[in-house]
């Protein structure tokens, strides 16, 4: 998690972390589920930040446009937001 300031606030956490309580035994997310949830929320936030422009978002997060497009498809993110 990255923050432009010196600290990270609860509002900057992905929804999957911000809206969850401490997991109970047997109900915890797997590492893969947690990673996917974080990645999806991160992509949604960054896409919104860049006006849902895939090229600008890819450049901002430091990956190729094609890689971002694959991630968007894998996470079933709708980009038609404008």
PDB file of N, CA and C in Angstrom:
ATOM      1  N   UNK A   1       0.859  -1.171   0.000  1.00  0.00           N
ATOM      2  CA  UNK A   1       0.000   0.000   0.000  1.00  0.00           C
ATOM      3  C   UNK A   1       0.894   1.218   0.000  1.00  0.00           C
ATOM      4  N   UNK A   2       0.585   2.142  -0.890  1.00  0.00           N
ATOM      5  CA  UNK A   2       1.384   3.357  -0.990  1.00  0.00           C
ATOM      6  C   UNK A   2       0.526   4.557  -0.620  1.00  0.00           C
ATOM      7  N   UNK A   3       1.173   5.566  -0.067  1.00  0.00           N
ATOM      8  CA  UNK A   3       0.479   6.782   0.326  1.00  0.00           C
ATOM      9  C   UNK A   3       1.327   7.975  -0.061  1.00  0.00           C
ATOM     10  N   UNK A   4       0.696   9.055  -0.525  1.00  0.00           N
ATOM     11  CA  UNK A   4       1.466  10.244  -0.870  1.00  0.00           C
ATOM     12  C   UNK A   4       2.020  10.945   0.369  1.00  0.00           C
ATOM     13  N   UNK A   5       1.464  10.668   1.513  1.00  0.00           N
ATOM     14  CA  UNK A   5       1.895  11.312   2.752  1.00  0.00           C
ATOM     15  C   UNK A   5       2.759  10.398   3.598  1.00  0.00           C
ATOM     16  N   UNK A   6       3.099  10.841   4.796  1.00  0.00           N
ATOM     17  CA  UNK A   6       3.980  10.067   5.669  1.00  0.00           C
ATOM     18  C   UNK A   6       3.300   8.881   6.347  1.00  0.00           C
ATOM     19  N   UNK A   7       1.975   8.842   6.327  1.00  0.00           N
ATOM     20  CA  UNK A   7       1.281   7.730   6.959  1.00  0.00           C
ATOM     21  C   UNK A   7       0.104   7.292   6.093  1.00  0.00           C
ATOM     22  N   UNK A   8      -0.399   6.111   6.399  1.00  0.00           N
ATOM     23  CA  UNK A   8      -1.528   5.546   5.664  1.00  0.00           C
ATOM     24  C   UNK A   8      -2.740   5.549   6.582  1.00  0.00           C
ATOM     25  N   UNK A   9      -3.824   6.144   6.114  1.00  0.00           N
ATOM     26  CA  UNK A   9      -5.061   6.175   6.889  1.00  0.00           C
ATOM     27  C   UNK A   9      -5.986   5.046   6.484  1.00  0.00           C
ATOM     28  N   UNK A  10      -6.948   4.761   7.323  1.00  0.00           N
ATOM     29  CA  UNK A  10      -7.912   3.698   7.052  1.00  0.00           C
ATOM     30  C   UNK A  10      -8.629   3.941   5.728  1.00  0.00           C
ATOM     31  N   UNK A  11      -8.907   5.206   5.404  1.00  0.00           N
ATOM     32  CA  UNK A  11      -9.626   5.512   4.164  1.00  0.00           C
ATOM     33  C   UNK A  11      -8.832   5.144   2.917  1.00  0.00           C
ATOM     34  N   UNK A  12      -7.528   4.960   3.044  1.00  0.00           N
ATOM     35  CA  UNK A  12      -6.693   4.608   1.898  1.00  0.00           C
ATOM     36  C   UNK A  12      -6.581   3.102   1.696  1.00  0.00           C
ATOM     37  N   UNK A  13      -7.091   2.322   2.625  1.00  0.00           N
ATOM     38  CA  UNK A  13      -7.042   0.873   2.495  1.00  0.00           C
ATOM     39  C   UNK A  13      -8.091   0.401   1.501  1.00  0.00           C
ATOM     40  N   UNK A  14      -7.824  -0.703   0.796  1.00  0.00           N
ATOM     41  CA  UNK A  14      -8.823  -1.252  -0.117  1.00  0.00           C
ATOM     42  C   UNK A  14     -10.065  -1.688   0.665  1.00  0.00           C
ATOM     43  N   UNK A  15     -11.209  -1.673   0.012  1.00  0.00           N
ATOM     44  CA  UNK A  15     -12.469  -2.047   0.661  1.00  0.00           C
ATOM     45  C   UNK A  15     -12.391  -3.411   1.331  1.00  0.00           C
ATOM     46  N   UNK A  16     -11.713  -4.354   0.692  1.00  0.00           N
ATOM     47  CA  UNK A  16     -11.637  -5.710   1.233  1.00  0.00           C
ATOM     48  C   UNK A  16     -10.981  -5.712   2.615  1.00  0.00           C
ATOM     49  N   UNK A  17     -10.076  -4.785   2.883  1.00  0.00           N
ATOM     50  CA  UNK A  17      -9.446  -4.683   4.196  1.00  0.00           C
ATOM     51  C   UNK A  17     -10.210  -3.738   5.113  1.00  0.00           C
ATOM     52  N   UNK A  18     -10.656  -2.625   4.578  1.00  0.00           N
ATOM     53  CA  UNK A  18     -11.317  -1.596   5.380  1.00  0.00           C
ATOM     54  C   UNK A  18     -12.642  -2.094   5.947  1.00  0.00           C
ATOM     55  N   UNK A  19     -13.373  -2.874   5.194  1.00  0.00           N
ATOM     56  CA  UNK A  19     -14.708  -3.303   5.608  1.00  0.00           C
ATOM     57  C   UNK A  19     -14.730  -4.677   6.257  1.00  0.00           C
ATOM     58  N   UNK A  20     -13.578  -5.201   6.593  1.00  0.00           N
ATOM     59  CA  UNK A  20     -13.564  -6.533   7.181  1.00  0.00           C
ATOM     60  C   UNK A  20     -13.226  -6.452   8.663  1.00  0.00           C
ATOM     61  N   UNK A  21     -13.710  -7.412   9.388  1.00  0.00           N
ATOM     62  CA  UNK A  21     -13.348  -7.521  10.793  1.00  0.00           C
ATOM     63  C   UNK A  21     -12.287  -8.602  10.900  1.00  0.00           C
ATOM     64  N   UNK A  22     -11.772  -8.785  12.073  1.00  0.00           N
ATOM     65  CA  UNK A  22     -10.761  -9.824  12.267  1.00  0.00           C
ATOM     66  C   UNK A  22     -11.368 -11.169  11.890  1.00  0.00           C
ATOM     67  N   UNK A  23     -10.669 -11.952  11.087  1.00  0.00           N
ATOM     68  CA  UNK A  23     -11.227 -13.235  10.654  1.00  0.00           C
ATOM     69  C   UNK A  23     -11.342 -14.219  11.810  1.00  0.00           C
ATOM     70  N   UNK A  24     -12.366 -15.053  11.750  1.00  0.00           N
ATOM     71  CA  UNK A  24     -12.548 -16.110  12.727  1.00  0.00           C
ATOM     72  C   UNK A  24     -11.846 -17.354  12.201  1.00  0.00           C
ATOM     73  N   UNK A  25     -11.506 -18.249  13.084  1.00  0.00           N
ATOM     74  CA  UNK A  25     -10.835 -19.483  12.676  1.00  0.00           C
ATOM     75  C   UNK A  25     -11.660 -20.181  11.602  1.00  0.00           C
ATOM     76  N   UNK A  26     -11.028 -20.553  10.521  1.00  0.00           N
ATOM     77  CA  UNK A  26     -11.699 -21.267   9.446  1.00  0.00           C
ATOM     78  C   UNK A  26     -12.372 -20.361   8.425  1.00  0.00           C
ATOM     79  N   UNK A  27     -12.448 -19.055   8.683  1.00  0.00           N
ATOM     80  CA  UNK A  27     -13.119 -18.170   7.734  1.00  0.00           C
ATOM     81  C   UNK A  27     -12.168 -17.170   7.088  1.00  0.00           C
ATOM     82  N   UNK A  28     -10.887 -17.282   7.365  1.00  0.00           N
ATOM     83  CA  UNK A  28      -9.907 -16.343   6.819  1.00  0.00           C
ATOM     84  C   UNK A  28      -9.752 -16.546   5.319  1.00  0.00           C
ATOM     85  N   UNK A  29      -9.496 -15.432   4.632  1.00  0.00           N
ATOM     86  CA  UNK A  29      -9.215 -15.507   3.203  1.00  0.00           C
ATOM     87  C   UNK A  29      -7.891 -16.212   2.986  1.00  0.00           C
ATOM     88  N   UNK A  30      -7.790 -16.907   1.877  1.00  0.00           N
ATOM     89  CA  UNK A  30      -6.492 -17.457   1.516  1.00  0.00           C
ATOM     90  C   UNK A  30      -5.611 -16.303   1.048  1.00  0.00           C
ATOM     91  N   UNK A  31      -4.335 -16.508   0.991  1.00  0.00           N
ATOM     92  CA  UNK A  31      -3.417 -15.482   0.517  1.00  0.00           C
ATOM     93  C   UNK A  31      -3.792 -15.053  -0.896  1.00  0.00           C
ATOM     94  N   UNK A  32      -4.139 -16.003  -1.741  1.00  0.00           N
ATOM     95  CA  UNK A  32      -4.508 -15.686  -3.124  1.00  0.00           C
ATOM     96  C   UNK A  32      -5.783 -14.850  -3.179  1.00  0.00           C
ATOM     97  N   UNK A  33      -6.778 -15.187  -2.369  1.00  0.00           N
ATOM     98  CA  UNK A  33      -8.020 -14.405  -2.336  1.00  0.00           C
ATOM     99  C   UNK A  33      -7.760 -12.982  -1.851  1.00  0.00           C
ATOM    100  N   UNK A  34      -6.927 -12.847  -0.837  1.00  0.00           N
ATOM    101  CA  UNK A  34      -6.598 -11.517  -0.308  1.00  0.00           C
ATOM    102  C   UNK A  34      -5.840 -10.701  -1.351  1.00  0.00           C
ATOM    103  N   UNK A  35      -4.893 -11.335  -2.034  1.00  0.00           N
ATOM    104  CA  UNK A  35      -4.113 -10.639  -3.057  1.00  0.00           C
ATOM    105  C   UNK A  35      -5.013 -10.180  -4.196  1.00  0.00           C
ATOM    106  N   UNK A  36      -5.894 -11.056  -4.638  1.00  0.00           N
ATOM    107  CA  UNK A  36      -6.804 -10.696  -5.731  1.00  0.00           C
ATOM    108  C   UNK A  36      -7.744  -9.571  -5.317  1.00  0.00           C
ATOM    109  N   UNK A  37      -8.238  -9.632  -4.099  1.00  0.00           N
ATOM    110  CA  UNK A  37      -9.118  -8.574  -3.610  1.00  0.00           C
ATOM    111  C   UNK A  37      -8.407  -7.238  -3.549  1.00  0.00           C
ATOM    112  N   UNK A  38      -7.177  -7.260  -3.041  1.00  0.00           N
ATOM    113  CA  UNK A  38      -6.397  -6.027  -2.974  1.00  0.00           C
ATOM    114  C   UNK A  38      -6.124  -5.493  -4.380  1.00  0.00           C
ATOM    115  N   UNK A  39      -5.692  -6.383  -5.281  1.00  0.00           N
ATOM    116  CA  UNK A  39      -5.353  -5.947  -6.632  1.00  0.00           C
ATOM    117  C   UNK A  39      -6.570  -5.344  -7.337  1.00  0.00           C
ATOM    118  N   UNK A  40      -7.723  -5.958  -7.180  1.00  0.00           N
ATOM    119  CA  UNK A  40      -8.938  -5.447  -7.822  1.00  0.00           C
ATOM    120  C   UNK A  40      -9.276  -4.052  -7.299  1.00  0.00           C
ATOM    121  N   UNK A  41      -9.260  -3.876  -5.987  1.00  0.00           N
ATOM    122  CA  UNK A  41      -9.561  -2.565  -5.402  1.00  0.00           C
ATOM    123  C   UNK A  41      -8.527  -1.521  -5.821  1.00  0.00           C
ATOM    124  N   UNK A  42      -7.263  -1.927  -5.852  1.00  0.00           N
ATOM    125  CA  UNK A  42      -6.188  -1.023  -6.272  1.00  0.00           C
ATOM    126  C   UNK A  42      -6.425  -0.558  -7.705  1.00  0.00           C
ATOM    127  N   UNK A  43      -6.736  -1.501  -8.590  1.00  0.00           N
ATOM    128  CA  UNK A  43      -6.974  -1.147  -9.989  1.00  0.00           C
ATOM    129  C   UNK A  43      -8.197  -0.251 -10.133  1.00  0.00           C
ATOM    130  N   UNK A  44      -9.270  -0.558  -9.427  1.00  0.00           N
ATOM    131  CA  UNK A  44     -10.463   0.292  -9.483  1.00  0.00           C
ATOM    132  C   UNK A  44     -10.143   1.718  -9.047  1.00  0.00           C
ATOM    133  N   UNK A  45      -9.413   1.844  -7.946  1.00  0.00           N
ATOM    134  CA  UNK A  45      -9.056   3.175  -7.442  1.00  0.00           C
ATOM    135  C   UNK A  45      -8.158   3.928  -8.407  1.00  0.00           C
ATOM    136  N   UNK A  46      -7.165   3.250  -8.956  1.00  0.00           N
ATOM    137  CA  UNK A  46      -6.235   3.927  -9.863  1.00  0.00           C
ATOM    138  C   UNK A  46      -6.901   4.276 -11.186  1.00  0.00           C
ATOM    139  N   UNK A  47      -7.763   3.399 -11.693  1.00  0.00           N
ATOM    140  CA  UNK A  47      -8.500   3.705 -12.921  1.00  0.00           C
ATOM    141  C   UNK A  47      -9.396   4.925 -12.715  1.00  0.00           C
ATOM    142  N   UNK A  48     -10.104   4.969 -11.607  1.00  0.00           N
ATOM    143  CA  UNK A  48     -10.966   6.121 -11.313  1.00  0.00           C
ATOM    144  C   UNK A  48     -10.130   7.392 -11.199  1.00  0.00           C
ATOM    145  N   UNK A  49      -8.986   7.278 -10.563  1.00  0.00           N
ATOM    146  CA  UNK A  49      -8.078   8.418 -10.389  1.00  0.00           C
ATOM    147  C   UNK A  49      -7.626   8.995 -11.728  1.00  0.00           C
ATOM    148  N   UNK A  50      -7.527   8.147 -12.739  1.00  0.00           N
ATOM    149  CA  UNK A  50      -7.051   8.567 -14.060  1.00  0.00           C
ATOM    150  C   UNK A  50      -8.181   8.609 -15.090  1.00  0.00           C
ATOM    151  N   UNK A  51      -9.403   8.838 -14.601  1.00  0.00           N
ATOM    152  CA  UNK A  51     -10.543   9.001 -15.500  1.00  0.00           C
ATOM    153  C   UNK A  51     -10.862   7.772 -16.330  1.00  0.00           C
ATOM    154  N   UNK A  52     -10.548   6.599 -15.828  1.00  0.00           N
ATOM    155  CA  UNK A  52     -10.805   5.329 -16.502  1.00  0.00           C
ATOM    156  C   UNK A  52     -10.040   5.195 -17.812  1.00  0.00           C
ATOM    157  N   UNK A  53      -8.954   5.954 -17.953  1.00  0.00           N
ATOM    158  CA  UNK A  53      -8.098   5.891 -19.134  1.00  0.00           C
ATOM    159  C   UNK A  53      -7.042   4.815 -18.893  1.00  0.00           C
ATOM    160  N   UNK A  54      -7.108   3.754 -19.678  1.00  0.00           N
ATOM    161  CA  UNK A  54      -6.227   2.607 -19.471  1.00  0.00           C
ATOM    162  C   UNK A  54      -4.766   2.971 -19.708  1.00  0.00           C
ATOM    163  N   UNK A  55      -4.475   3.711 -20.756  1.00  0.00           N
ATOM    164  CA  UNK A  55      -3.084   4.075 -21.058  1.00  0.00           C
ATOM    165  C   UNK A  55      -2.466   4.907 -19.941  1.00  0.00           C
ATOM    166  N   UNK A  56      -3.193   5.921 -19.468  1.00  0.00           N
ATOM    167  CA  UNK A  56      -2.661   6.779 -18.395  1.00  0.00           C
ATOM    168  C   UNK A  56      -2.501   5.999 -17.094  1.00  0.00           C
ATOM    169  N   UNK A  57      -3.456   5.128 -16.811  1.00  0.00           N
ATOM    170  CA  UNK A  57      -3.376   4.328 -15.592  1.00  0.00           C
ATOM    171  C   UNK A  57      -2.191   3.376 -15.655  1.00  0.00           C
ATOM    172  N   UNK A  58      -2.017   2.708 -16.789  1.00  0.00           N
ATOM    173  CA  UNK A  58      -0.890   1.785 -16.946  1.00  0.00           C
ATOM    174  C   UNK A  58       0.431   2.514 -16.742  1.00  0.00           C
ATOM    175  N   UNK A  59       0.556   3.683 -17.329  1.00  0.00           N
ATOM    176  CA  UNK A  59       1.784   4.464 -17.173  1.00  0.00           C
ATOM    177  C   UNK A  59       1.992   4.851 -15.710  1.00  0.00           C
ATOM    178  N   UNK A  60       0.926   5.257 -15.044  1.00  0.00           N
ATOM    179  CA  UNK A  60       1.025   5.699 -13.651  1.00  0.00           C
ATOM    180  C   UNK A  60       1.432   4.571 -12.708  1.00  0.00           C
ATOM    181  N   UNK A  61       0.981   3.352 -12.983  1.00  0.00           N
ATOM    182  CA  UNK A  61       1.315   2.249 -12.082  1.00  0.00           C
ATOM    183  C   UNK A  61       2.529   1.447 -12.559  1.00  0.00           C
ATOM    184  N   UNK A  62       3.073   1.841 -13.703  1.00  0.00           N
ATOM    185  CA  UNK A  62       4.331   1.257 -14.155  1.00  0.00           C
ATOM    186  C   UNK A  62       4.235  -0.108 -14.801  1.00  0.00           C
ATOM    187  N   UNK A  63       3.126  -0.357 -15.506  1.00  0.00           N
ATOM    188  CA  UNK A  63       3.027  -1.614 -16.254  1.00  0.00           C
ATOM    189  C   UNK A  63       2.594  -1.307 -17.684  1.00  0.00           C
ATOM    190  N   UNK A  64       2.779  -2.277 -18.562  1.00  0.00           N
ATOM    191  CA  UNK A  64       2.376  -2.115 -19.957  1.00  0.00           C
ATOM    192  C   UNK A  64       0.853  -2.063 -20.055  1.00  0.00           C
ATOM    193  N   UNK A  65       0.367  -1.322 -21.040  1.00  0.00           N
ATOM    194  CA  UNK A  65      -1.075  -1.190 -21.252  1.00  0.00           C
ATOM    195  C   UNK A  65      -1.718  -2.562 -21.443  1.00  0.00           C
ATOM    196  N   UNK A  66      -1.051  -3.439 -22.167  1.00  0.00           N
ATOM    197  CA  UNK A  66      -1.579  -4.778 -22.423  1.00  0.00           C
ATOM    198  C   UNK A  66      -1.708  -5.570 -21.121  1.00  0.00           C
ATOM    199  N   UNK A  67      -0.737  -5.411 -20.230  1.00  0.00           N
ATOM    200  CA  UNK A  67      -0.795  -6.099 -18.934  1.00  0.00           C
ATOM    201  C   UNK A  67      -1.977  -5.598 -18.114  1.00  0.00           C
ATOM    202  N   UNK A  68      -2.179  -4.286 -18.119  1.00  0.00           N
ATOM    203  CA  UNK A  68      -3.314  -3.721 -17.392  1.00  0.00           C
ATOM    204  C   UNK A  68      -4.625  -4.217 -17.994  1.00  0.00           C
ATOM    205  N   UNK A  69      -4.703  -4.268 -19.300  1.00  0.00           N
ATOM    206  CA  UNK A  69      -5.923  -4.764 -19.955  1.00  0.00           C
ATOM    207  C   UNK A  69      -6.219  -6.202 -19.544  1.00  0.00           C
ATOM    208  N   UNK A  70      -5.185  -7.037 -19.443  1.00  0.00           N
ATOM    209  CA  UNK A  70      -5.379  -8.430 -19.012  1.00  0.00           C
ATOM    210  C   UNK A  70      -5.875  -8.494 -17.571  1.00  0.00           C
ATOM    211  N   UNK A  71      -5.315  -7.639 -16.715  1.00  0.00           N
ATOM    212  CA  UNK A  71      -5.743  -7.613 -15.315  1.00  0.00           C
ATOM    213  C   UNK A  71      -7.189  -7.135 -15.195  1.00  0.00           C
ATOM    214  N   UNK A  72      -7.555  -6.133 -15.974  1.00  0.00           N
ATOM    215  CA  UNK A  72      -8.930  -5.623 -15.973  1.00  0.00           C
ATOM    216  C   UNK A  72      -9.893  -6.742 -16.365  1.00  0.00           C
ATOM    217  N   UNK A  73      -9.530  -7.494 -17.394  1.00  0.00           N
ATOM    218  CA  UNK A  73     -10.372  -8.600 -17.850  1.00  0.00           C
ATOM    219  C   UNK A  73     -10.442  -9.698 -16.784  1.00  0.00           C
ATOM    220  N   UNK A  74      -9.304 -10.036 -16.186  1.00  0.00           N
ATOM    221  CA  UNK A  74      -9.261 -11.090 -15.174  1.00  0.00           C
ATOM    222  C   UNK A  74     -10.113 -10.741 -13.950  1.00  0.00           C
ATOM    223  N   UNK A  75     -10.157  -9.466 -13.610  1.00  0.00           N
ATOM    224  CA  UNK A  75     -10.933  -9.016 -12.449  1.00  0.00           C
ATOM    225  C   UNK A  75     -12.361  -8.609 -12.815  1.00  0.00           C
ATOM    226  N   UNK A  76     -12.710  -8.788 -14.094  1.00  0.00           N
ATOM    227  CA  UNK A  76     -14.056  -8.471 -14.587  1.00  0.00           C
ATOM    228  C   UNK A  76     -14.460  -7.043 -14.227  1.00  0.00           C
ATOM    229  N   UNK A  77     -13.543  -6.103 -14.494  1.00  0.00           N
ATOM    230  CA  UNK A  77     -13.783  -4.686 -14.218  1.00  0.00           C
ATOM    231  C   UNK A  77     -14.386  -4.041 -15.455  1.00  0.00           C
ATOM    232  N   UNK A  78     -15.499  -3.352 -15.275  1.00  0.00           N
ATOM    233  CA  UNK A  78     -16.141  -2.593 -16.355  1.00  0.00           C
ATOM    234  C   UNK A  78     -15.460  -1.240 -16.461  1.00  0.00           C
ATOM    235  N   UNK A  79     -14.901  -0.917 -17.616  1.00  0.00           N
ATOM    236  CA  UNK A  79     -14.169   0.336 -17.789  1.00  0.00           C
ATOM    237  C   UNK A  79     -15.058   1.443 -18.340  1.00  0.00           C
ATOM    238  N   UNK A  80     -16.209   1.129 -18.885  1.00  0.00           N
ATOM    239  CA  UNK A  80     -17.121   2.157 -19.415  1.00  0.00           C
ATOM    240  C   UNK A  80     -17.754   2.936 -18.273  1.00  0.00           C
ATOM    241  N   UNK A  81     -17.007   3.884 -17.720  1.00  0.00           N
ATOM    242  CA  UNK A  81     -17.488   4.665 -16.579  1.00  0.00           C
ATOM    243  C   UNK A  81     -17.754   6.109 -16.957  1.00  0.00           C
ATOM    244  N   UNK A  82     -17.527   6.473 -18.209  1.00  0.00           N
ATOM    245  CA  UNK A  82     -17.665   7.869 -18.577  1.00  0.00           C
ATOM    246  C   UNK A  82     -18.716   8.064 -19.516  1.00  0.00           C
TER     247      UNK A  82
END
